[in-house]
Amino acid sequence: QVQLVESGGGLVQAGGSLRLSCAASGRAFFNYAVGWFRQAPGKEREFVAAINWNDGGTFYADSVRGRFTISRENAKNTVSLQMNSLKPEDTAVYSCAAGPDRGWGWASSTSYLYWGQGTQVTVSS
């Protein structure tokens, strides 16, 4: 069993930055993929970014590529999402998720077994 806890959400003005963290307990992320998803009110959950814990390979949604960076901190068993140049349309609840890495399907929520509770990110215009 893996427990995931997100932190770092908040309120920021457009153009600003936030850094989200996803900390795992129960087991290490080794052999896992870790992803970030977001859901805005009235919208479907959408993929944001993912990382292969073993080799650090990353994958981004087109809407955030070049603005967001996902990274891992091995010693802390933590995955971070650095969000720069934030836009009002980035407002959502952001959740991290983890699951055995299959080498594909990172953008699909069905690839992940464990989910955090989510953290609110609000970007004001």
C-alpha atoms as a PDB file:
ATOM      1  CA  GLN A   1       0.000   0.000   0.000  1.00  0.00           C
ATOM      2  CA  VAL A   2       1.232   3.477  -0.855  1.00  0.00           C
ATOM      3  CA  GLN A   3       0.037   6.683   0.749  1.00  0.00           C
ATOM      4  CA  LEU A   4       0.532   9.905  -1.200  1.00  0.00           C
ATOM      5  CA  VAL A   5       0.349  13.379   0.300  1.00  0.00           C
ATOM      6  CA  GLU A   6       0.457  16.534  -1.786  1.00  0.00           C
ATOM      7  CA  SER A   7       1.527  19.939  -0.561  1.00  0.00           C
ATOM      8  CA  GLY A   8       2.354  23.355  -1.960  1.00  0.00           C
ATOM      9  CA  GLY A   9      -0.919  24.531  -3.442  1.00  0.00           C
ATOM     10  CA  GLY A  10      -2.247  28.033  -2.944  1.00  0.00           C
ATOM     11  CA  LEU A  11      -3.305  31.295  -4.523  1.00  0.00           C
ATOM     12  CA  VAL A  12      -1.021  33.051  -6.990  1.00  0.00           C
ATOM     13  CA  GLN A  13      -1.363  35.801  -9.561  1.00  0.00           C
ATOM     14  CA  ALA A  14      -1.141  35.073 -13.259  1.00  0.00           C
ATOM     15  CA  GLY A  15       2.482  34.837 -14.322  1.00  0.00           C
ATOM     16  CA  GLY A  16       3.553  33.598 -10.916  1.00  0.00           C
ATOM     17  CA  SER A  17       4.965  30.278  -9.778  1.00  0.00           C
ATOM     18  CA  LEU A  18       4.124  27.480  -7.379  1.00  0.00           C
ATOM     19  CA  ARG A  19       5.865  24.254  -6.481  1.00  0.00           C
ATOM     20  CA  LEU A  20       3.837  21.185  -5.593  1.00  0.00           C
ATOM     21  CA  SER A  21       5.254  18.165  -3.818  1.00  0.00           C
ATOM     22  CA  CYS A  22       4.042  14.589  -3.592  1.00  0.00           C
ATOM     23  CA  ALA A  23       5.476  12.554  -0.738  1.00  0.00           C
ATOM     24  CA  ALA A  24       5.058   8.805  -0.547  1.00  0.00           C
ATOM     25  CA  SER A  25       4.970   6.501   2.435  1.00  0.00           C
ATOM     26  CA  GLY A  26       4.497   2.757   2.605  1.00  0.00           C
ATOM     27  CA  ARG A  27       6.970   1.934  -0.137  1.00  0.00           C
ATOM     28  CA  ALA A  28       9.504   3.601  -2.359  1.00  0.00           C
ATOM     29  CA  PHE A  29       8.669   4.822  -5.857  1.00  0.00           C
ATOM     30  CA  PHE A  30      11.207   2.409  -7.414  1.00  0.00           C
ATOM     31  CA  ASN A  31       9.750   0.800 -10.559  1.00  0.00           C
ATOM     32  CA  TYR A  32       6.822   3.201 -10.420  1.00  0.00           C
ATOM     33  CA  ALA A  33       5.604   6.006 -12.611  1.00  0.00           C
ATOM     34  CA  VAL A  34       4.344   9.066 -10.775  1.00  0.00           C
ATOM     35  CA  GLY A  35       1.954  11.462 -12.399  1.00  0.00           C
ATOM     36  CA  TRP A  36       0.174  14.722 -11.721  1.00  0.00           C
ATOM     37  CA  PHE A  37      -3.422  15.248 -12.777  1.00  0.00           C
ATOM     38  CA  ARG A  38      -5.744  18.191 -12.295  1.00  0.00           C
ATOM     39  CA  GLN A  39      -9.471  18.760 -12.236  1.00  0.00           C
ATOM     40  CA  ALA A  40     -11.185  22.103 -12.544  1.00  0.00           C
ATOM     41  CA  PRO A  41     -14.802  22.627 -11.446  1.00  0.00           C
ATOM     42  CA  GLY A  42     -17.203  21.180 -13.977  1.00  0.00           C
ATOM     43  CA  LYS A  43     -14.427  19.642 -16.052  1.00  0.00           C
ATOM     44  CA  GLU A  44     -12.969  16.196 -16.521  1.00  0.00           C
ATOM     45  CA  ARG A  45      -9.746  15.259 -14.781  1.00  0.00           C
ATOM     46  CA  GLU A  46      -6.816  15.834 -17.089  1.00  0.00           C
ATOM     47  CA  PHE A  47      -3.236  14.660 -17.236  1.00  0.00           C
ATOM     48  CA  VAL A  48      -0.513  17.206 -16.466  1.00  0.00           C
ATOM     49  CA  ALA A  49       2.854  15.462 -16.237  1.00  0.00           C
ATOM     50  CA  ALA A  50       4.502  12.164 -15.312  1.00  0.00           C
ATOM     51  CA  ILE A  51       7.933  10.828 -14.456  1.00  0.00           C
ATOM     52  CA  ASN A  52       9.520   7.402 -14.570  1.00  0.00           C
ATOM     53  CA  TRP A  53      11.101   7.064 -11.159  1.00  0.00           C
ATOM     54  CA  ASN A  54      13.880   4.718 -12.280  1.00  0.00           C
ATOM     55  CA  ASP A  55      15.360   6.695 -15.176  1.00  0.00           C
ATOM     56  CA  GLY A  56      13.789  10.103 -14.717  1.00  0.00           C
ATOM     57  CA  GLY A  57      12.054  10.080 -18.069  1.00  0.00           C
ATOM     58  CA  THR A  58       9.290  12.687 -18.234  1.00  0.00           C
ATOM     59  CA  PHE A  59       6.121  13.311 -20.198  1.00  0.00           C
ATOM     60  CA  TYR A  60       3.980  16.463 -20.320  1.00  0.00           C
ATOM     61  CA  ALA A  61       0.606  17.568 -21.516  1.00  0.00           C
ATOM     62  CA  ASP A  62       0.844  20.057 -24.381  1.00  0.00           C
ATOM     63  CA  SER A  63      -0.923  22.673 -22.272  1.00  0.00           C
ATOM     64  CA  VAL A  64       1.887  22.790 -19.692  1.00  0.00           C
ATOM     65  CA  ARG A  65       5.001  21.805 -21.652  1.00  0.00           C
ATOM     66  CA  GLY A  66       7.652  24.502 -21.299  1.00  0.00           C
ATOM     67  CA  ARG A  67       6.009  25.993 -18.200  1.00  0.00           C
ATOM     68  CA  PHE A  68       5.866  23.042 -15.788  1.00  0.00           C
ATOM     69  CA  THR A  69       8.708  20.753 -14.738  1.00  0.00           C
ATOM     70  CA  ILE A  70       8.306  17.435 -12.960  1.00  0.00           C
ATOM     71  CA  SER A  71      11.256  16.064 -11.005  1.00  0.00           C
ATOM     72  CA  ARG A  72      12.108  13.484  -8.387  1.00  0.00           C
ATOM     73  CA  GLU A  73      14.062  13.620  -5.141  1.00  0.00           C
ATOM     74  CA  ASN A  74      15.302  10.114  -4.476  1.00  0.00           C
ATOM     75  CA  ALA A  75      16.393  10.629  -0.890  1.00  0.00           C
ATOM     76  CA  LYS A  76      13.028  12.043   0.114  1.00  0.00           C
ATOM     77  CA  ASN A  77      10.915   9.682  -2.004  1.00  0.00           C
ATOM     78  CA  THR A  78       9.197  12.783  -3.324  1.00  0.00           C
ATOM     79  CA  VAL A  79       8.077  14.017  -6.718  1.00  0.00           C
ATOM     80  CA  SER A  80       7.749  17.747  -7.326  1.00  0.00           C
ATOM     81  CA  LEU A  81       5.937  19.811  -9.916  1.00  0.00           C
ATOM     82  CA  GLN A  82       7.416  23.254 -10.526  1.00  0.00           C
ATOM     83  CA  MET A  83       4.793  25.441 -12.157  1.00  0.00           C
ATOM     84  CA  ASN A  84       5.914  28.684 -13.780  1.00  0.00           C
ATOM     85  CA  SER A  85       4.104  31.293 -15.874  1.00  0.00           C
ATOM     86  CA  LEU A  86       0.823  30.225 -14.352  1.00  0.00           C
ATOM     87  CA  LYS A  87      -2.403  31.130 -16.100  1.00  0.00           C
ATOM     88  CA  PRO A  88      -5.959  31.422 -14.756  1.00  0.00           C
ATOM     89  CA  GLU A  89      -6.836  28.300 -16.749  1.00  0.00           C
ATOM     90  CA  ASP A  90      -4.352  26.347 -14.614  1.00  0.00           C
ATOM     91  CA  THR A  91      -6.736  26.744 -11.670  1.00  0.00           C
ATOM     92  CA  ALA A  92      -7.717  23.281 -10.450  1.00  0.00           C
ATOM     93  CA  VAL A  93      -7.268  20.675  -7.779  1.00  0.00           C
ATOM     94  CA  TYR A  94      -3.962  18.962  -8.478  1.00  0.00           C
ATOM     95  CA  SER A  95      -3.485  15.337  -7.469  1.00  0.00           C
ATOM     96  CA  CYS A  96      -0.493  13.059  -7.675  1.00  0.00           C
ATOM     97  CA  ALA A  97      -0.788   9.396  -8.520  1.00  0.00           C
ATOM     98  CA  ALA A  98       1.538   6.418  -8.615  1.00  0.00           C
ATOM     99  CA  GLY A  99       1.497   3.029 -10.234  1.00  0.00           C
ATOM    100  CA  PRO A 100       3.813   0.331 -11.607  1.00  0.00           C
ATOM    101  CA  ASP A 101       5.607   1.679 -14.646  1.00  0.00           C
ATOM    102  CA  ARG A 102       4.658  -0.146 -17.839  1.00  0.00           C
ATOM    103  CA  GLY A 103       6.588   2.134 -20.146  1.00  0.00           C
ATOM    104  CA  TRP A 104       3.390   3.508 -21.663  1.00  0.00           C
ATOM    105  CA  GLY A 105       0.032   4.948 -20.729  1.00  0.00           C
ATOM    106  CA  TRP A 106       1.373   7.634 -18.429  1.00  0.00           C
ATOM    107  CA  ALA A 107      -1.356  10.059 -19.455  1.00  0.00           C
ATOM    108  CA  SER A 108      -4.155   7.695 -18.544  1.00  0.00           C
ATOM    109  CA  SER A 109      -5.543   7.779 -15.029  1.00  0.00           C
ATOM    110  CA  THR A 110      -6.183   4.040 -15.256  1.00  0.00           C
ATOM    111  CA  SER A 111      -2.420   3.446 -15.200  1.00  0.00           C
ATOM    112  CA  TYR A 112      -2.212   4.563 -11.585  1.00  0.00           C
ATOM    113  CA  LEU A 113      -3.159   2.602  -8.485  1.00  0.00           C
ATOM    114  CA  TYR A 114      -2.635   5.133  -5.728  1.00  0.00           C
ATOM    115  CA  TRP A 115      -3.862   8.711  -5.472  1.00  0.00           C
ATOM    116  CA  GLY A 116      -3.334  11.590  -3.119  1.00  0.00           C
ATOM    117  CA  GLN A 117      -6.124  13.731  -1.731  1.00  0.00           C
ATOM    118  CA  GLY A 118      -5.312  16.716  -3.930  1.00  0.00           C
ATOM    119  CA  THR A 119      -4.236  20.295  -3.360  1.00  0.00           C
ATOM    120  CA  GLN A 120      -5.952  23.430  -4.647  1.00  0.00           C
ATOM    121  CA  VAL A 121      -4.145  25.748  -7.041  1.00  0.00           C
ATOM    122  CA  THR A 122      -5.859  29.039  -7.810  1.00  0.00           C
ATOM    123  CA  VAL A 123      -4.444  31.499 -10.330  1.00  0.00           C
ATOM    124  CA  SER A 124      -5.986  34.953 -10.316  1.00  0.00           C
ATOM    125  CA  SER A 125      -6.028  37.207 -13.373  1.00  0.00           C
END
